[in-house]
Amino acid sequence: KHRGPAALGASGAVRAHMQSMSRWRHLCKKRDLRFPPDEEAQFVKSLQPNLVFASLCFAIIAMPLHITSYVPTYLKETSRADDPFEWALNDPRTLFFSAASINASMSLFGLVTCLFWYTGKIPWWNFEAQGVTICSLNLLFIFVANMWTSSHICGTHPDENFAGDYEYDGSEVVSALGVLTVVFGMCQLLPIRTHIIWVVPTFGALVYPIFMTVTESTMPASSFRIGAFIVVLCAFCYSGARIGEIQTRTKWRAMREAEERDLVAQGLEAMSWMSCDIILRLGEDGRVLAPNKIHDGFFGQSMQGKRLAELMAADDSALLQDVLAKAAATTDLQSMPATFELSFADVRTQLAVVSVSGASTHFLLGVSQIDNVPKQETTNPNSLGTIDEETGERSDDRRHDRDAAPMSPSERPYDATSVVTSTASEHVFNDIEKLCSGPAPPDARMRKVLEHIAEIGVREHWLVGTAEIEVICPTVVLGTGGFGWVALGRLRGAPVALKVPRAHAVSNGAKLVASFCNEIRLLRRVRHSHIVSFHGAAIDPISGDLAMIFEYV
C-alpha cells in the first residue's frame, strides 16, 4: 500500500521524462510554420504551380547533363578491344552505369509527371514528396556513379576496370560539388515546405562521410574538411529555405486577407442601395464573425461566436438557412423578412444576404429594422423604458402605457401623425414630449433625459461622439433660424453642416430637448434626394451640448 523509495525514484524519473517530452513538443510546435489544416491546404495548393514549373526546369536541365556525362563513357567502355563492357554482377562498371541510368530515369520520370500535371491528368499528384524522394536518391547515386567509389564497393581499383588514364583525386570533389548543387537547388529554388524538405540537406550532409568511410577516400587528408564544409553548407541551405518559407507564408496570408477585404467590399457595394441599420459578416456555418459594439448594441447581447439563426423563430431560422444556401449557389443578392426574439423585444427586420466566398467571411448580411414589439411580461436592464416625469428615471412599466388609450392628434404637443411610432424608442420620444407640459426639470433630471436619448442613438446607430466633430470656423455661419444656427464643421475629416441650438440644453429645460428630439425622430427615417442627408447627432449629457450633423452641399 505504501510506495517505497525505489518506486518514488522511478515515479520521479517518469515525471522528469514526461516534462522533458512536453518541452520538446512545445519547442517543435513553436518552430512549426504550418497554418491550421484548412488554411494549410489552400497554401499548398497555391504553391503547386510554382513547384511544378521549378521541377520541370530541373528535369529539363538534368537530362542533358546525364546524357553528356555518361553516354560517352558508356560508348568508350563498350567499344574497348581488351575488355568490352558487358552487364555482369561482378563488374564495377555495371554498378556505375546502373546508378547513372537510375539518375537519368528519375529525371525523365519528373519530366513526365510535370507534363501530365499540366495536361490535367494527375492534379492530385504530390510533387513535394516526389521532389524529396528523387533528390535523396540522386544524392545517393551521385557517389555510386563515381568510378572510384563503384570500384571500391566491388573491391577493385578503377585502373583495373575503366579505360583511360583518369585523375581520380578530382572525382571525389566532383561528387561533393554534385551534392551541394542538389541541396542548394532543392532548398533555394523549389518551393517545398521545410517540414518536408529537411530530409534533403540531412541526407546530403550524411552521404559524404558514409561513403568515404565505407570506401577508401582518394584524398584522406582533405576528407574531414570537405565533409565539414558540406555539413555547414547544408545547414545554411536549410536555414535559407526556412527564412524563405516564412516570407512566402507572410506574403501569402497578406494577399489572402487583401483578397477577402476586396470580396467584402464588393459585397458591401452590392447591398449599398439598401438602407441597412447594420451589416454582419457570417462564416460558412452562419456564425457572426468579428462583431463590434454596434452589433452587440443592436441585439442587446454579445454576438461573438453566436449563430444568427439561434436568435430567430424556428420558421425564420429554417428560411435563413435556405436563403444562405441560395445566396452561395447563385452569388445574387437574396432578401427575406425575419423576426429576432431578443430579450427586450421581438424585432421585425428585413434581411439582405450576399455571398462573398472569402477565406473566413462567406456571407454579408444586412439588417434593416422595421419595428419592435417590446416584451410584455419580462424586462431587460438594457432595454428602453419610459421616463418618469418627477425623477427623470427610466421605468419598465411600458405594458401599462400600451394598455392606456392613445392620445388623439390634438392632444399631442407636437404633430407627429406622419411619423412612424411603432418602435420601442418612440416611447422615450413621447415621454420627453410630455415633459413640455410641466415645469422645467432640474439639471440632474435633464441629464438623465439626455442619457436616455443618447442610448437610443447608440441602439439606432445615429449617435456621434463629440470628439469626432469639430467646427472649422465658428465665425462663419451658414444659416440661422428659430432653433439655432448652422456652421461648417468636420466629421472624421469630411466637411459637414452642424446645426447647433441657441440655448443650453441642461439650463433651458424640456422644450429645447423635445424640439431637438422631435427633429431627430423625423430626420432619422427620412431619405429623399431633395433633402440633405442626416448623418447623426452629438449629445453630451454632462455638458448639455447638442448638435445635429447634416450633409454639406
Protein backbone atom coordinates (compact mmCIF):
# COMPACT_ATOMS: atom_id res chain seq x y z
CA LYS A 1 0.00 0.00 0.00
CA HIS A 2 2.91 2.34 0.68
CA ARG A 3 5.31 3.23 -2.10
CA GLY A 4 8.94 2.54 -1.34
CA PRO A 5 11.97 4.70 -2.21
CA ALA A 6 12.57 2.75 -5.41
CA ALA A 7 9.01 3.34 -6.60
CA LEU A 8 9.24 7.03 -5.72
CA GLY A 9 12.51 7.30 -7.61
CA ALA A 10 11.01 5.61 -10.64
CA SER A 11 7.98 7.90 -10.47
CA GLY A 12 10.25 10.96 -10.35
CA ALA A 13 12.20 9.70 -13.35
CA VAL A 14 8.99 9.16 -15.30
CA ARG A 15 7.77 12.63 -14.34
CA ALA A 16 11.07 14.21 -15.43
CA HIS A 17 10.90 12.30 -18.71
CA MET A 18 7.34 13.46 -19.33
CA GLN A 19 8.31 17.08 -18.62
CA SER A 20 11.25 16.80 -20.99
CA MET A 21 8.99 15.37 -23.72
CA SER A 22 6.46 18.15 -23.09
CA ARG A 23 9.16 20.80 -23.50
CA TRP A 24 10.34 19.11 -26.70
CA ARG A 25 6.80 19.02 -28.13
CA HIS A 26 6.33 22.68 -27.21
CA LEU A 27 9.59 23.58 -28.95
CA CYS A 28 8.63 21.62 -32.07
CA LYS A 29 5.19 23.22 -32.13
CA LYS A 30 6.72 26.67 -31.73
CA ARG A 31 9.06 26.08 -34.69
CA ASP A 32 6.31 24.59 -36.84
CA LEU A 33 5.40 27.10 -39.54
CA ARG A 34 2.26 25.35 -40.73
CA PHE A 35 -1.16 27.03 -40.69
CA PRO A 36 -4.33 25.33 -39.42
CA PRO A 37 -5.27 22.34 -41.64
CA ASP A 38 -7.82 24.07 -43.91
CA GLU A 39 -5.63 27.12 -44.41
CA GLU A 40 -2.54 24.96 -44.92
CA ALA A 41 -4.29 23.01 -47.68
CA GLN A 42 -5.04 26.25 -49.51
CA PHE A 43 -1.43 27.38 -49.05
CA VAL A 44 -0.09 24.12 -50.53
CA LYS A 45 -2.50 24.45 -53.44
CA SER A 46 -1.20 27.95 -54.14
CA LEU A 47 2.41 26.65 -54.18
CA GLN A 48 1.67 23.81 -56.60
CA PRO A 49 2.03 25.71 -59.94
CA ASN A 50 5.41 27.20 -58.97
CA LEU A 51 6.63 23.85 -57.66
CA VAL A 52 5.65 22.03 -60.86
CA PHE A 53 7.32 24.67 -63.01
CA ALA A 54 10.54 24.51 -60.97
CA SER A 55 10.52 20.69 -61.09
CA LEU A 56 10.05 20.80 -64.85
CA CYS A 57 13.02 23.17 -65.22
CA PHE A 58 15.18 20.89 -63.05
CA ALA A 59 14.26 17.85 -65.14
CA ILE A 60 14.95 19.67 -68.41
CA ILE A 61 18.39 20.76 -67.15
CA ALA A 62 19.29 17.38 -65.59
CA MET A 63 18.50 15.26 -68.64
CA PRO A 64 21.22 16.77 -70.94
CA LEU A 65 23.73 16.67 -68.07
CA HIS A 66 23.19 12.96 -67.57
CA ILE A 67 23.40 12.27 -71.29
CA THR A 68 26.62 14.25 -71.83
CA SER A 69 28.23 12.82 -68.68
CA TYR A 70 27.58 9.10 -69.03
CA VAL A 71 26.82 8.30 -72.69
CA PRO A 72 30.41 9.00 -73.96
CA THR A 73 31.82 6.82 -71.15
CA TYR A 74 29.36 4.05 -71.97
CA LEU A 75 30.29 4.13 -75.67
CA LYS A 76 34.02 4.07 -74.84
CA GLU A 77 33.66 1.13 -72.47
CA THR A 78 31.51 -0.94 -74.83
CA SER A 79 33.91 -0.40 -77.75
CA ARG A 80 37.08 -1.43 -75.88
CA ALA A 81 39.18 -4.09 -77.60
CA ASP A 82 40.77 -5.52 -74.47
CA ASP A 83 37.79 -5.73 -72.09
CA PRO A 84 34.50 -4.51 -73.61
CA PHE A 85 31.75 -3.74 -71.11
CA GLU A 86 29.00 -6.30 -70.61
CA TRP A 87 26.31 -6.22 -67.94
CA ALA A 88 27.57 -8.51 -65.21
CA LEU A 89 27.13 -8.58 -61.46
CA ASN A 90 30.83 -8.76 -60.67
CA ASP A 91 31.75 -5.82 -62.92
CA PRO A 92 32.03 -2.37 -61.21
CA ARG A 93 31.03 -0.78 -64.49
CA THR A 94 27.60 -2.39 -64.09
CA LEU A 95 27.17 -0.58 -60.76
CA PHE A 96 28.47 2.64 -62.28
CA PHE A 97 26.17 2.65 -65.32
CA SER A 98 23.20 1.37 -63.28
CA ALA A 99 23.47 4.36 -60.93
CA ALA A 100 23.80 6.70 -63.90
CA SER A 101 20.77 5.12 -65.59
CA ILE A 102 18.69 5.43 -62.42
CA ASN A 103 19.58 9.13 -62.12
CA ALA A 104 18.59 9.73 -65.74
CA SER A 105 15.38 7.70 -65.30
CA MET A 106 14.33 9.72 -62.26
CA SER A 107 14.86 12.96 -64.18
CA LEU A 108 12.78 11.56 -67.03
CA PHE A 109 10.09 10.49 -64.56
CA GLY A 110 9.97 14.02 -63.10
CA LEU A 111 9.66 15.48 -66.58
CA VAL A 112 6.76 13.16 -67.48
CA THR A 113 4.81 13.81 -64.26
CA CYS A 114 5.14 17.58 -64.75
CA LEU A 115 3.80 17.30 -68.29
CA PHE A 116 0.93 15.09 -67.11
CA TRP A 117 0.06 17.64 -64.42
CA TYR A 118 -0.08 20.44 -66.96
CA THR A 119 -2.47 18.37 -69.09
CA GLY A 120 -4.73 17.90 -66.05
CA LYS A 121 -4.37 14.12 -65.82
CA ILE A 122 -2.83 14.00 -62.31
CA PRO A 123 -3.95 17.15 -60.45
CA TRP A 124 -3.73 15.20 -57.18
CA TRP A 125 -0.02 14.34 -57.51
CA ASN A 126 2.19 15.20 -54.54
CA PHE A 127 5.18 16.97 -56.10
CA GLU A 128 6.70 17.75 -52.69
CA ALA A 129 7.13 14.06 -51.87
CA GLN A 130 8.30 13.34 -55.43
CA GLY A 131 10.93 16.09 -55.34
CA VAL A 132 12.31 15.00 -51.96
CA THR A 133 12.41 11.32 -53.00
CA ILE A 134 14.12 11.94 -56.34
CA CYS A 135 16.70 14.32 -54.87
CA SER A 136 17.51 12.00 -51.95
CA LEU A 137 18.10 9.10 -54.37
CA ASN A 138 20.19 11.37 -56.59
CA LEU A 139 22.40 12.21 -53.61
CA LEU A 140 22.92 8.50 -53.04
CA PHE A 141 23.62 7.56 -56.66
CA ILE A 142 25.90 10.57 -57.26
CA PHE A 143 28.56 8.73 -55.26
CA VAL A 144 27.71 5.32 -56.71
CA ALA A 145 28.02 6.77 -60.23
CA ASN A 146 31.67 7.54 -59.45
CA MET A 147 34.42 5.33 -60.88
CA TRP A 148 36.45 5.32 -57.69
CA THR A 149 33.51 4.58 -55.38
CA SER A 150 31.90 1.92 -57.56
CA SER A 151 35.25 0.14 -57.98
CA HIS A 152 35.97 0.11 -54.24
CA ILE A 153 32.45 -1.13 -53.47
CA CYS A 154 33.30 -4.14 -55.64
CA GLY A 155 36.73 -4.47 -54.04
CA THR A 156 38.82 -3.46 -57.06
CA HIS A 157 40.75 -0.47 -58.35
CA PRO A 158 39.43 1.81 -61.12
CA ASP A 159 42.52 1.16 -63.27
CA GLU A 160 41.52 -2.48 -63.44
CA ASN A 161 38.05 -1.76 -64.82
CA PHE A 162 37.82 1.54 -66.66
CA ALA A 163 39.70 2.54 -69.79
CA GLY A 164 41.87 5.65 -69.94
CA ASP A 165 44.22 7.36 -67.56
CA TYR A 166 41.92 9.23 -65.17
CA GLU A 167 42.93 11.61 -62.38
CA TYR A 168 40.95 10.08 -59.53
CA ASP A 169 41.85 12.76 -57.00
CA GLY A 170 39.28 15.08 -58.57
CA SER A 171 36.37 12.64 -58.76
CA GLU A 172 35.60 12.98 -55.07
CA VAL A 173 35.45 16.78 -55.32
CA VAL A 174 33.10 16.50 -58.31
CA SER A 175 30.76 14.25 -56.29
CA ALA A 176 30.85 16.66 -53.35
CA LEU A 177 30.00 19.56 -55.67
CA GLY A 178 27.14 17.50 -57.09
CA VAL A 179 25.76 17.01 -53.57
CA LEU A 180 25.93 20.73 -52.81
CA THR A 181 24.28 21.59 -56.14
CA VAL A 182 21.35 19.27 -55.46
CA VAL A 183 20.89 20.50 -51.88
CA PHE A 184 21.13 24.17 -52.86
CA GLY A 185 18.72 23.77 -55.77
CA MET A 186 16.16 21.96 -53.64
CA CYS A 187 16.31 24.37 -50.68
CA GLN A 188 16.52 27.65 -52.55
CA LEU A 189 14.74 27.13 -55.87
CA LEU A 190 11.93 24.64 -55.19
CA PRO A 191 9.02 25.94 -53.02
CA ILE A 192 8.83 22.87 -50.80
CA ARG A 193 7.88 23.32 -47.15
CA THR A 194 10.69 22.94 -44.64
CA HIS A 195 8.98 20.25 -42.55
CA ILE A 196 9.33 18.04 -45.66
CA ILE A 197 12.50 19.32 -47.33
CA TRP A 198 14.68 18.83 -44.24
CA VAL A 199 15.30 15.26 -45.46
CA VAL A 200 17.40 16.52 -48.41
CA PRO A 201 20.04 18.61 -46.54
CA THR A 202 20.22 15.98 -43.80
CA PHE A 203 20.80 13.22 -46.34
CA GLY A 204 23.30 15.40 -48.19
CA ALA A 205 25.29 16.04 -45.01
CA LEU A 206 25.44 12.31 -44.14
CA VAL A 207 26.03 10.69 -47.52
CA TYR A 208 29.59 12.02 -48.00
CA PRO A 209 31.09 10.81 -44.67
CA ILE A 210 29.25 7.48 -45.01
CA PHE A 211 30.66 6.74 -48.46
CA MET A 212 34.11 8.00 -47.55
CA THR A 213 34.09 5.72 -44.52
CA VAL A 214 32.85 2.66 -46.40
CA THR A 215 35.22 3.22 -49.34
CA GLU A 216 38.78 4.42 -49.35
CA SER A 217 38.94 8.17 -49.90
CA THR A 218 41.04 9.49 -52.76
CA MET A 219 42.10 12.40 -50.55
CA PRO A 220 42.41 11.12 -46.94
CA ALA A 221 43.95 14.36 -45.66
CA SER A 222 41.11 16.52 -47.06
CA SER A 223 38.12 14.26 -46.43
CA PHE A 224 37.35 15.69 -43.00
CA ARG A 225 37.50 19.30 -44.23
CA ILE A 226 35.32 18.52 -47.26
CA GLY A 227 32.79 16.70 -45.06
CA ALA A 228 32.63 19.57 -42.57
CA PHE A 229 32.25 22.03 -45.43
CA ILE A 230 29.32 20.05 -46.85
CA VAL A 231 27.61 19.87 -43.43
CA VAL A 232 27.90 23.63 -42.88
CA LEU A 233 26.60 24.48 -46.36
CA CYS A 234 23.67 22.06 -45.98
CA ALA A 235 22.76 23.75 -42.69
CA PHE A 236 22.91 27.17 -44.35
CA CYS A 237 20.76 25.93 -47.24
CA TYR A 238 18.10 24.65 -44.83
CA SER A 239 18.18 27.90 -42.84
CA GLY A 240 17.72 29.87 -46.05
CA ALA A 241 14.81 27.64 -47.03
CA ARG A 242 13.13 28.27 -43.67
CA ILE A 243 13.57 32.05 -43.92
CA GLY A 244 12.18 31.95 -47.45
CA GLU A 245 9.18 29.93 -46.32
CA ILE A 246 8.43 32.42 -43.53
CA GLN A 247 8.48 35.27 -46.04
CA THR A 248 6.34 33.33 -48.50
CA ARG A 249 3.76 32.46 -45.84
CA THR A 250 3.61 36.07 -44.60
CA LYS A 251 3.14 37.39 -48.13
CA TRP A 252 0.54 34.75 -48.97
CA ARG A 253 -1.52 35.48 -45.85
CA ALA A 254 -1.37 39.23 -46.52
CA MET A 255 -2.56 38.70 -50.10
CA ARG A 256 -5.30 36.37 -48.86
CA GLU A 257 -6.53 38.97 -46.37
CA ALA A 258 -6.43 41.65 -49.08
CA GLU A 259 -8.49 39.43 -51.39
CA GLU A 260 -11.01 38.85 -48.63
CA ARG A 261 -11.26 42.59 -47.99
CA ASP A 262 -11.90 43.09 -51.70
CA LEU A 263 -14.64 40.46 -51.64
CA VAL A 264 -16.21 42.09 -48.59
CA ALA A 265 -16.04 45.48 -50.31
CA GLN A 266 -17.76 44.04 -53.37
CA GLY A 267 -20.48 42.59 -51.16
CA LEU A 268 -20.95 45.92 -49.39
CA GLU A 269 -21.23 47.65 -52.74
CA ALA A 270 -23.82 45.11 -53.86
CA MET A 271 -26.06 45.88 -50.87
CA SER A 272 -25.23 49.60 -50.62
CA TRP A 273 -28.51 50.52 -52.33
CA MET A 274 -30.40 49.13 -49.32
CA SER A 275 -30.71 51.24 -46.18
CA CYS A 276 -29.32 48.71 -43.68
CA ASP A 277 -29.04 49.51 -39.99
CA ILE A 278 -26.15 47.08 -39.53
CA ILE A 279 -24.13 44.71 -41.72
CA LEU A 280 -22.87 41.42 -40.30
CA ARG A 281 -20.13 39.12 -41.54
CA LEU A 282 -21.12 35.45 -41.36
CA GLY A 283 -18.99 32.33 -41.61
CA GLU A 284 -19.87 29.23 -43.57
CA ASP A 285 -21.82 27.83 -40.60
CA GLY A 286 -23.79 31.06 -40.08
CA ARG A 287 -21.79 32.30 -37.08
CA VAL A 288 -21.22 36.04 -36.69
CA LEU A 289 -17.59 37.00 -37.35
CA ALA A 290 -15.77 39.95 -35.78
CA PRO A 291 -18.81 41.67 -34.20
CA ASN A 292 -18.36 45.19 -32.82
CA LYS A 293 -20.17 47.26 -30.19
CA ILE A 294 -22.76 48.42 -32.70
CA HIS A 295 -23.74 44.82 -33.44
CA ASP A 296 -23.85 43.93 -29.74
CA GLY A 297 -25.95 47.04 -29.00
CA PHE A 298 -28.44 46.22 -31.75
CA PHE A 299 -29.09 42.71 -30.42
CA GLY A 300 -28.68 43.63 -26.75
CA GLN A 301 -26.05 40.93 -26.15
CA SER A 302 -22.57 39.85 -27.18
CA MET A 303 -22.64 38.35 -30.66
CA GLN A 304 -19.17 36.80 -30.56
CA GLY A 305 -19.45 33.24 -31.89
CA LYS A 306 -23.28 33.36 -31.96
CA ARG A 307 -25.30 31.76 -34.73
CA LEU A 308 -27.74 34.28 -36.10
CA ALA A 309 -30.37 31.57 -36.53
CA GLU A 310 -30.39 30.98 -32.74
CA LEU A 311 -31.97 34.41 -32.21
CA MET A 312 -34.85 33.80 -34.65
CA ALA A 313 -38.10 31.96 -34.57
CA ALA A 314 -37.97 28.36 -35.82
CA ASP A 315 -39.58 29.16 -39.19
CA ASP A 316 -37.31 32.14 -39.80
CA SER A 317 -34.26 30.09 -38.78
CA ALA A 318 -35.03 27.42 -41.38
CA LEU A 319 -35.74 30.09 -44.00
CA LEU A 320 -32.40 31.76 -43.26
CA GLN A 321 -30.54 28.51 -43.94
CA ASP A 322 -32.32 28.20 -47.29
CA VAL A 323 -31.51 31.81 -48.18
CA LEU A 324 -27.83 31.34 -47.28
CA ALA A 325 -27.65 28.21 -49.43
CA LYS A 326 -29.32 30.00 -52.32
CA ALA A 327 -27.01 33.00 -51.97
CA ALA A 328 -23.96 30.71 -52.03
CA ALA A 329 -25.24 28.88 -55.11
CA THR A 330 -26.27 31.92 -57.18
CA THR A 331 -23.99 34.71 -55.78
CA ASP A 332 -27.01 37.02 -56.21
CA LEU A 333 -28.43 39.30 -53.53
CA GLN A 334 -31.14 37.49 -51.53
CA SER A 335 -33.70 39.02 -49.20
CA MET A 336 -36.11 37.77 -46.54
CA PRO A 337 -38.17 39.09 -43.60
CA ALA A 338 -37.19 37.84 -40.16
CA THR A 339 -38.15 38.39 -36.54
CA PHE A 340 -35.45 38.31 -33.88
CA GLU A 341 -36.68 37.11 -30.49
CA LEU A 342 -34.43 39.20 -28.27
CA SER A 343 -34.54 39.59 -24.51
CA PHE A 344 -36.05 43.09 -24.59
CA ALA A 345 -38.27 42.89 -27.68
CA ASP A 346 -39.28 40.97 -30.76
CA VAL A 347 -37.60 42.91 -33.57
CA ARG A 348 -39.10 42.66 -37.05
CA THR A 349 -36.46 43.16 -39.72
CA GLN A 350 -35.73 42.75 -43.40
CA LEU A 351 -32.53 40.84 -44.19
CA ALA A 352 -30.35 41.12 -47.29
CA VAL A 353 -27.76 38.40 -47.90
CA VAL A 354 -24.93 38.29 -50.44
CA SER A 355 -22.21 35.66 -50.78
CA VAL A 356 -18.61 36.90 -50.90
CA SER A 357 -16.86 33.48 -50.73
CA GLY A 358 -13.94 34.79 -48.68
CA ALA A 359 -11.47 32.66 -46.78
CA SER A 360 -13.37 33.16 -43.48
CA THR A 361 -16.20 35.53 -44.41
CA HIS A 362 -18.68 33.64 -46.57
CA PHE A 363 -21.71 35.94 -46.36
CA LEU A 364 -22.56 39.59 -45.72
CA LEU A 365 -25.94 40.08 -44.10
CA GLY A 366 -27.62 43.49 -43.91
CA VAL A 367 -30.30 44.06 -41.27
CA SER A 368 -32.96 46.74 -41.73
CA GLN A 369 -35.16 47.22 -38.66
CA ILE A 370 -38.88 47.60 -39.35
CA ASP A 371 -40.29 47.84 -35.82
CA ASN A 372 -40.07 46.45 -32.30
CA VAL A 373 -42.64 44.64 -30.20
CA PRO A 374 -41.41 45.06 -26.59
CA LYS A 375 -41.74 42.17 -24.18
CA GLN A 376 -44.90 42.42 -22.11
CA GLU A 377 -44.03 40.41 -19.00
CA THR A 378 -40.26 40.37 -18.75
CA THR A 379 -37.98 43.34 -18.64
CA ASN A 380 -34.34 43.71 -19.52
CA PRO A 381 -31.96 46.18 -17.85
CA ASN A 382 -30.58 47.04 -21.26
CA SER A 383 -33.98 47.72 -22.85
CA LEU A 384 -35.51 51.17 -23.22
CA GLY A 385 -38.28 52.19 -20.84
CA THR A 386 -40.27 55.34 -20.13
CA ILE A 387 -39.05 58.41 -18.26
CA ASP A 388 -40.72 59.32 -15.02
CA GLU A 389 -41.85 62.95 -15.03
CA GLU A 390 -40.88 63.55 -11.39
CA THR A 391 -37.49 61.80 -11.17
CA GLY A 392 -36.32 61.52 -14.77
CA GLU A 393 -35.58 57.82 -14.12
CA ARG A 394 -36.30 55.16 -16.73
CA SER A 395 -39.07 52.73 -15.84
CA ASP A 396 -40.00 49.32 -17.25
CA ASP A 397 -43.80 49.59 -16.96
CA ARG A 398 -44.38 50.19 -20.67
CA ARG A 399 -47.03 47.49 -20.66
CA HIS A 400 -49.36 49.84 -18.77
CA ASP A 401 -48.60 52.65 -21.25
CA ARG A 402 -49.57 50.39 -24.14
CA ASP A 403 -52.81 49.40 -22.42
CA ALA A 404 -53.77 53.03 -21.89
CA ALA A 405 -55.82 54.82 -24.54
CA PRO A 406 -53.62 56.54 -27.11
CA MET A 407 -53.61 60.34 -27.32
CA SER A 408 -55.53 61.97 -30.12
CA PRO A 409 -53.57 64.15 -32.57
CA SER A 410 -54.99 67.32 -30.95
CA GLU A 411 -53.71 66.23 -27.52
CA ARG A 412 -50.14 65.85 -28.70
CA PRO A 413 -47.92 68.88 -28.07
CA TYR A 414 -46.22 68.24 -31.43
CA ASP A 415 -47.80 66.92 -34.55
CA ALA A 416 -46.23 63.51 -35.06
CA THR A 417 -49.02 61.86 -37.02
CA SER A 418 -46.75 61.45 -40.03
CA VAL A 419 -44.00 59.78 -38.01
CA VAL A 420 -43.70 56.03 -37.61
CA THR A 421 -44.22 55.37 -33.89
CA SER A 422 -44.12 51.60 -33.72
CA THR A 423 -40.57 51.22 -32.49
CA ALA A 424 -39.65 50.92 -28.82
CA SER A 425 -37.60 54.13 -28.97
CA GLU A 426 -40.78 56.13 -29.78
CA HIS A 427 -41.96 55.58 -26.20
CA VAL A 428 -38.93 57.52 -24.97
CA PHE A 429 -39.52 60.29 -27.50
CA ASN A 430 -43.17 60.54 -26.43
CA ASP A 431 -42.19 60.71 -22.77
CA ILE A 432 -39.83 63.59 -23.49
CA GLU A 433 -42.67 65.47 -25.17
CA LYS A 434 -44.79 65.01 -22.05
CA LEU A 435 -42.19 66.93 -20.07
CA CYS A 436 -43.03 70.07 -22.10
CA SER A 437 -46.37 70.47 -20.31
CA GLY A 438 -44.80 70.51 -16.84
CA PRO A 439 -42.32 72.78 -15.10
CA ALA A 440 -38.71 72.77 -16.25
CA PRO A 441 -36.87 69.82 -14.64
CA PRO A 442 -33.73 70.26 -12.57
CA ASP A 443 -30.28 69.78 -14.08
CA ALA A 444 -29.78 66.24 -12.79
CA ARG A 445 -33.12 65.15 -14.19
CA MET A 446 -32.43 66.66 -17.61
CA ARG A 447 -29.05 64.94 -17.77
CA LYS A 448 -30.82 61.61 -17.29
CA VAL A 449 -33.16 62.52 -20.14
CA LEU A 450 -30.18 63.20 -22.40
CA GLU A 451 -28.61 59.90 -21.35
CA HIS A 452 -31.76 58.06 -22.47
CA ILE A 453 -31.72 59.86 -25.82
CA ALA A 454 -28.03 59.02 -26.24
CA GLU A 455 -28.88 55.38 -25.51
CA ILE A 456 -31.39 55.45 -28.35
CA GLY A 457 -28.71 56.92 -30.60
CA VAL A 458 -26.33 54.08 -29.75
CA ARG A 459 -29.01 51.47 -30.41
CA GLU A 460 -30.12 53.06 -33.68
CA HIS A 461 -26.55 53.96 -34.75
CA TRP A 462 -27.00 57.70 -35.28
CA LEU A 463 -25.15 58.94 -32.17
CA VAL A 464 -21.82 60.61 -32.99
CA GLY A 465 -19.15 61.27 -30.38
CA THR A 466 -18.43 64.91 -29.67
CA ALA A 467 -14.71 64.21 -30.19
CA GLU A 468 -15.41 63.14 -33.78
CA ILE A 469 -16.75 66.54 -34.88
CA GLU A 470 -15.19 69.98 -34.96
CA VAL A 471 -16.28 73.45 -36.06
CA ILE A 472 -13.98 74.69 -38.83
CA CYS A 473 -14.66 78.41 -38.32
CA PRO A 474 -17.12 79.48 -35.57
CA THR A 475 -17.40 83.00 -37.03
CA VAL A 476 -18.66 81.70 -40.40
CA VAL A 477 -22.39 80.98 -40.08
CA LEU A 478 -24.09 79.10 -42.93
CA GLY A 479 -27.58 79.97 -41.70
CA THR A 480 -29.72 80.88 -38.70
CA GLY A 481 -33.26 80.12 -37.58
CA GLY A 482 -35.59 79.98 -34.63
CA PHE A 483 -33.96 76.83 -33.25
CA GLY A 484 -30.32 77.75 -33.65
CA TRP A 485 -27.56 78.35 -36.16
CA VAL A 486 -25.72 76.24 -38.76
CA ALA A 487 -21.92 76.23 -39.01
CA LEU A 488 -19.40 74.47 -41.23
CA GLY A 489 -17.65 71.57 -39.49
CA ARG A 490 -15.86 68.30 -40.00
CA LEU A 491 -16.92 64.74 -39.19
CA ARG A 492 -13.93 62.40 -39.24
CA GLY A 493 -12.25 64.76 -41.70
CA ALA A 494 -15.23 65.13 -44.06
CA PRO A 495 -17.00 68.51 -44.36
CA VAL A 496 -20.48 68.61 -42.79
CA ALA A 497 -23.08 71.13 -41.69
CA LEU A 498 -23.54 71.39 -37.90
CA LYS A 499 -26.89 72.57 -36.56
CA VAL A 500 -26.44 73.86 -33.01
CA PRO A 501 -29.28 75.12 -30.74
CA ARG A 502 -29.07 78.70 -29.44
CA ALA A 503 -29.87 77.77 -25.85
CA HIS A 504 -28.15 75.34 -23.48
CA ALA A 505 -29.96 72.02 -23.08
CA VAL A 506 -29.45 71.46 -19.35
CA SER A 507 -30.22 75.01 -18.27
CA ASN A 508 -33.15 75.63 -20.65
CA GLY A 509 -35.19 72.53 -19.98
CA ALA A 510 -37.51 70.16 -21.70
CA LYS A 511 -38.89 72.34 -24.52
CA LEU A 512 -35.49 72.63 -26.18
CA VAL A 513 -34.77 68.91 -25.77
CA ALA A 514 -38.21 67.93 -27.03
CA SER A 515 -37.81 70.13 -30.11
CA PHE A 516 -34.35 68.71 -30.74
CA CYS A 517 -35.52 65.11 -30.32
CA ASN A 518 -38.63 65.60 -32.43
CA GLU A 519 -36.48 66.76 -35.34
CA ILE A 520 -34.18 63.77 -34.90
CA ARG A 521 -37.22 61.47 -34.80
CA LEU A 522 -38.28 62.78 -38.20
CA LEU A 523 -34.88 63.01 -39.89
CA ARG A 524 -33.57 59.58 -38.88
CA ARG A 525 -36.31 57.97 -41.03
CA VAL A 526 -36.25 60.35 -43.99
CA ARG A 527 -34.29 59.60 -47.16
CA HIS A 528 -35.02 61.81 -50.19
CA SER A 529 -32.94 63.29 -52.99
CA HIS A 530 -34.31 66.81 -52.23
CA ILE A 531 -33.48 66.65 -48.50
CA VAL A 532 -29.95 66.88 -47.15
CA SER A 533 -28.82 63.62 -45.57
CA PHE A 534 -28.91 63.33 -41.80
CA HIS A 535 -25.56 61.90 -40.62
CA GLY A 536 -26.38 61.79 -36.92
CA ALA A 537 -26.40 63.85 -33.75
CA ALA A 538 -23.94 64.61 -30.97
CA ILE A 539 -25.26 64.57 -27.40
CA ASP A 540 -23.18 65.22 -24.29
CA PRO A 541 -25.36 64.57 -21.21
CA ILE A 542 -22.73 66.04 -18.87
CA SER A 543 -22.20 69.40 -20.55
CA GLY A 544 -25.61 69.56 -22.26
CA ASP A 545 -24.06 70.26 -25.68
CA LEU A 546 -26.28 69.24 -28.61
CA ALA A 547 -25.66 69.27 -32.35
CA MET A 548 -27.24 67.72 -35.45
CA ILE A 549 -24.96 66.74 -38.32
CA PHE A 550 -26.10 67.08 -41.92
CA GLU A 551 -24.64 66.63 -45.37
CA TYR A 552 -22.79 69.76 -46.53
CA VAL A 553 -23.88 70.88 -50.00
